[in-house]
Amino acid sequence: LGTVYVMDSVNDRVMRWHKGAQQGTKIVNGRGVGREVDQLCCAMGLSFDCEGNLYVADCGNGRILRFSLESNV
């Protein structure tokens, strides 16, 4: 659909690039490893549903996180 999402496990974040963008933006994390709702630890995958939600497998914290992409995560 013109937007690329990347799970950056090394930096514990999710990045997004809109079509034609020269630079991506952090949409999840960027504050370092942790257990807060916007922090990840050894995240290993991402998925989407038909309602515009992003799911992140946060393996280091043993959880699945849900983020609404429509609300400018």
N, C-alpha and C. Protein backbone atom coordinates (compact mmCIF):
# COMPACT_ATOMS: atom_id res chain seq x y z
N LEU A 1 0.81 -1.21 0.00
CA LEU A 1 0.00 0.00 0.00
C LEU A 1 0.85 1.27 0.00
N GLY A 2 2.14 1.10 -0.23
CA GLY A 2 3.00 2.27 -0.32
C GLY A 2 3.77 2.60 0.94
N THR A 3 3.55 1.88 2.02
CA THR A 3 4.27 2.12 3.27
C THR A 3 4.99 0.84 3.68
N VAL A 4 6.24 0.98 4.09
CA VAL A 4 7.05 -0.16 4.50
C VAL A 4 7.31 -0.07 6.00
N TYR A 5 7.08 -1.18 6.70
CA TYR A 5 7.35 -1.28 8.13
C TYR A 5 8.48 -2.27 8.34
N VAL A 6 9.44 -1.92 9.21
CA VAL A 6 10.61 -2.75 9.45
C VAL A 6 10.79 -2.95 10.95
N MET A 7 10.93 -4.23 11.35
CA MET A 7 11.27 -4.56 12.73
C MET A 7 12.78 -4.49 12.85
N ASP A 8 13.28 -3.54 13.58
CA ASP A 8 14.71 -3.36 13.80
C ASP A 8 15.04 -3.96 15.17
N SER A 9 15.29 -5.26 15.19
CA SER A 9 15.52 -5.97 16.45
C SER A 9 16.78 -5.52 17.17
N VAL A 10 17.80 -5.15 16.44
CA VAL A 10 19.06 -4.73 17.05
C VAL A 10 18.86 -3.47 17.89
N ASN A 11 18.03 -2.55 17.39
CA ASN A 11 17.78 -1.29 18.10
C ASN A 11 16.44 -1.27 18.84
N ASP A 12 15.77 -2.42 18.90
CA ASP A 12 14.51 -2.57 19.63
C ASP A 12 13.49 -1.49 19.26
N ARG A 13 13.18 -1.41 17.96
CA ARG A 13 12.22 -0.42 17.48
C ARG A 13 11.56 -0.90 16.20
N VAL A 14 10.46 -0.23 15.84
CA VAL A 14 9.79 -0.45 14.56
C VAL A 14 9.88 0.86 13.79
N MET A 15 10.31 0.75 12.54
CA MET A 15 10.47 1.92 11.68
C MET A 15 9.42 1.88 10.57
N ARG A 16 9.05 3.07 10.07
CA ARG A 16 8.08 3.18 8.98
C ARG A 16 8.61 4.13 7.92
N TRP A 17 8.48 3.71 6.66
CA TRP A 17 8.82 4.55 5.51
C TRP A 17 7.58 4.68 4.64
N HIS A 18 7.12 5.93 4.45
CA HIS A 18 6.01 6.18 3.52
C HIS A 18 6.56 6.20 2.11
N LYS A 19 5.71 5.92 1.15
CA LYS A 19 6.11 5.88 -0.26
C LYS A 19 6.81 7.19 -0.64
N GLY A 20 7.99 7.07 -1.22
CA GLY A 20 8.76 8.22 -1.66
C GLY A 20 9.59 8.90 -0.58
N ALA A 21 9.49 8.45 0.67
CA ALA A 21 10.23 9.09 1.77
C ALA A 21 11.72 8.77 1.65
N GLN A 22 12.54 9.72 1.97
CA GLN A 22 13.99 9.54 1.98
C GLN A 22 14.49 9.05 3.33
N GLN A 23 13.65 9.20 4.36
CA GLN A 23 14.04 8.83 5.71
C GLN A 23 12.84 8.21 6.42
N GLY A 24 13.11 7.18 7.22
CA GLY A 24 12.05 6.54 7.98
C GLY A 24 11.81 7.24 9.31
N THR A 25 10.71 6.87 9.94
CA THR A 25 10.39 7.41 11.26
C THR A 25 10.19 6.26 12.23
N LYS A 26 10.57 6.48 13.49
CA LYS A 26 10.34 5.48 14.54
C LYS A 26 8.88 5.56 14.93
N ILE A 27 8.20 4.41 14.93
CA ILE A 27 6.80 4.43 15.36
C ILE A 27 6.61 3.65 16.66
N VAL A 28 7.55 2.80 17.01
CA VAL A 28 7.52 2.11 18.29
C VAL A 28 8.92 2.15 18.86
N ASN A 29 9.05 2.65 20.07
CA ASN A 29 10.28 2.69 20.86
C ASN A 29 11.19 3.84 20.47
N GLY A 30 12.47 3.61 20.60
CA GLY A 30 13.44 4.66 20.43
C GLY A 30 13.97 5.15 21.76
N ARG A 31 13.42 4.61 22.87
CA ARG A 31 13.85 5.01 24.22
C ARG A 31 14.74 3.98 24.86
N GLY A 32 15.19 2.99 24.12
CA GLY A 32 16.04 1.95 24.69
C GLY A 32 15.24 0.75 25.15
N VAL A 33 15.95 -0.29 25.54
CA VAL A 33 15.33 -1.54 25.98
C VAL A 33 14.58 -1.30 27.28
N GLY A 34 13.39 -1.92 27.40
CA GLY A 34 12.64 -1.79 28.63
C GLY A 34 11.32 -2.54 28.60
N ARG A 35 10.54 -2.40 29.67
CA ARG A 35 9.27 -3.10 29.82
C ARG A 35 8.05 -2.19 29.68
N GLU A 36 8.26 -0.89 29.47
CA GLU A 36 7.13 0.03 29.30
C GLU A 36 6.40 -0.29 28.00
N VAL A 37 5.18 0.21 27.85
CA VAL A 37 4.35 -0.13 26.69
C VAL A 37 4.98 0.31 25.37
N ASP A 38 5.80 1.34 25.40
CA ASP A 38 6.43 1.81 24.16
C ASP A 38 7.90 1.41 24.08
N GLN A 39 8.31 0.42 24.87
CA GLN A 39 9.68 -0.08 24.81
C GLN A 39 9.66 -1.57 24.46
N LEU A 40 10.70 -2.01 23.79
CA LEU A 40 10.82 -3.40 23.36
C LEU A 40 12.10 -4.02 23.91
N CYS A 41 12.12 -5.35 23.88
CA CYS A 41 13.32 -6.09 24.26
C CYS A 41 13.36 -7.36 23.41
N CYS A 42 14.29 -7.42 22.47
CA CYS A 42 14.44 -8.58 21.58
C CYS A 42 13.17 -8.87 20.78
N ALA A 43 12.56 -7.82 20.25
CA ALA A 43 11.37 -8.01 19.41
C ALA A 43 11.75 -8.78 18.16
N MET A 44 10.91 -9.73 17.77
CA MET A 44 11.25 -10.63 16.67
C MET A 44 10.30 -10.61 15.49
N GLY A 45 9.20 -9.93 15.57
CA GLY A 45 8.30 -9.95 14.43
C GLY A 45 7.18 -8.94 14.55
N LEU A 46 6.55 -8.67 13.42
CA LEU A 46 5.41 -7.77 13.41
C LEU A 46 4.36 -8.31 12.45
N SER A 47 3.12 -7.91 12.70
CA SER A 47 2.00 -8.34 11.89
C SER A 47 0.94 -7.25 11.93
N PHE A 48 -0.02 -7.32 11.02
CA PHE A 48 -1.07 -6.32 10.91
C PHE A 48 -2.42 -7.02 10.84
N ASP A 49 -3.47 -6.32 11.25
CA ASP A 49 -4.82 -6.84 11.04
C ASP A 49 -5.59 -5.90 10.12
N CYS A 50 -6.80 -6.29 9.77
CA CYS A 50 -7.59 -5.52 8.81
C CYS A 50 -8.15 -4.23 9.41
N GLU A 51 -7.99 -4.02 10.71
CA GLU A 51 -8.50 -2.81 11.36
C GLU A 51 -7.44 -1.74 11.54
N GLY A 52 -6.27 -1.96 10.98
CA GLY A 52 -5.21 -0.96 11.06
C GLY A 52 -4.37 -1.04 12.31
N ASN A 53 -4.29 -2.20 12.93
CA ASN A 53 -3.47 -2.39 14.12
C ASN A 53 -2.18 -3.10 13.77
N LEU A 54 -1.11 -2.71 14.43
CA LEU A 54 0.20 -3.34 14.30
C LEU A 54 0.43 -4.17 15.55
N TYR A 55 0.84 -5.42 15.37
CA TYR A 55 1.17 -6.31 16.49
C TYR A 55 2.66 -6.59 16.45
N VAL A 56 3.30 -6.47 17.62
CA VAL A 56 4.74 -6.68 17.73
C VAL A 56 4.99 -7.80 18.73
N ALA A 57 5.76 -8.82 18.30
CA ALA A 57 6.16 -9.92 19.19
C ALA A 57 7.39 -9.46 19.96
N ASP A 58 7.18 -9.14 21.23
CA ASP A 58 8.24 -8.64 22.11
C ASP A 58 8.75 -9.83 22.94
N CYS A 59 9.66 -10.60 22.35
CA CYS A 59 10.11 -11.86 22.95
C CYS A 59 10.82 -11.68 24.29
N GLY A 60 11.65 -10.68 24.42
CA GLY A 60 12.40 -10.47 25.65
C GLY A 60 11.50 -10.18 26.85
N ASN A 61 10.33 -9.61 26.59
CA ASN A 61 9.38 -9.32 27.66
C ASN A 61 8.22 -10.31 27.68
N GLY A 62 8.24 -11.30 26.79
CA GLY A 62 7.21 -12.34 26.77
C GLY A 62 5.81 -11.82 26.53
N ARG A 63 5.65 -10.94 25.52
CA ARG A 63 4.33 -10.36 25.28
C ARG A 63 4.14 -10.01 23.81
N ILE A 64 2.88 -9.81 23.46
CA ILE A 64 2.50 -9.28 22.15
C ILE A 64 1.90 -7.91 22.41
N LEU A 65 2.41 -6.90 21.73
CA LEU A 65 1.91 -5.54 21.88
C LEU A 65 1.07 -5.15 20.67
N ARG A 66 -0.02 -4.40 20.90
CA ARG A 66 -0.86 -3.91 19.81
C ARG A 66 -0.81 -2.39 19.77
N PHE A 67 -0.61 -1.86 18.56
CA PHE A 67 -0.57 -0.42 18.34
C PHE A 67 -1.52 -0.07 17.22
N SER A 68 -2.30 0.99 17.39
CA SER A 68 -3.20 1.46 16.34
C SER A 68 -2.43 2.36 15.39
N LEU A 69 -2.33 1.96 14.13
CA LEU A 69 -1.60 2.77 13.15
C LEU A 69 -2.41 3.97 12.71
N GLU A 70 -3.72 3.94 12.84
CA GLU A 70 -4.56 5.04 12.44
C GLU A 70 -4.45 6.23 13.37
N SER A 71 -3.97 6.01 14.59
CA SER A 71 -3.85 7.10 15.56
C SER A 71 -2.43 7.67 15.61
N ASN A 72 -1.69 7.53 14.50
CA ASN A 72 -0.33 8.06 14.40
C ASN A 72 0.58 7.57 15.50
N VAL A 73 0.77 6.28 15.58
CA VAL A 73 1.62 5.66 16.59
C VAL A 73 2.97 6.33 16.62
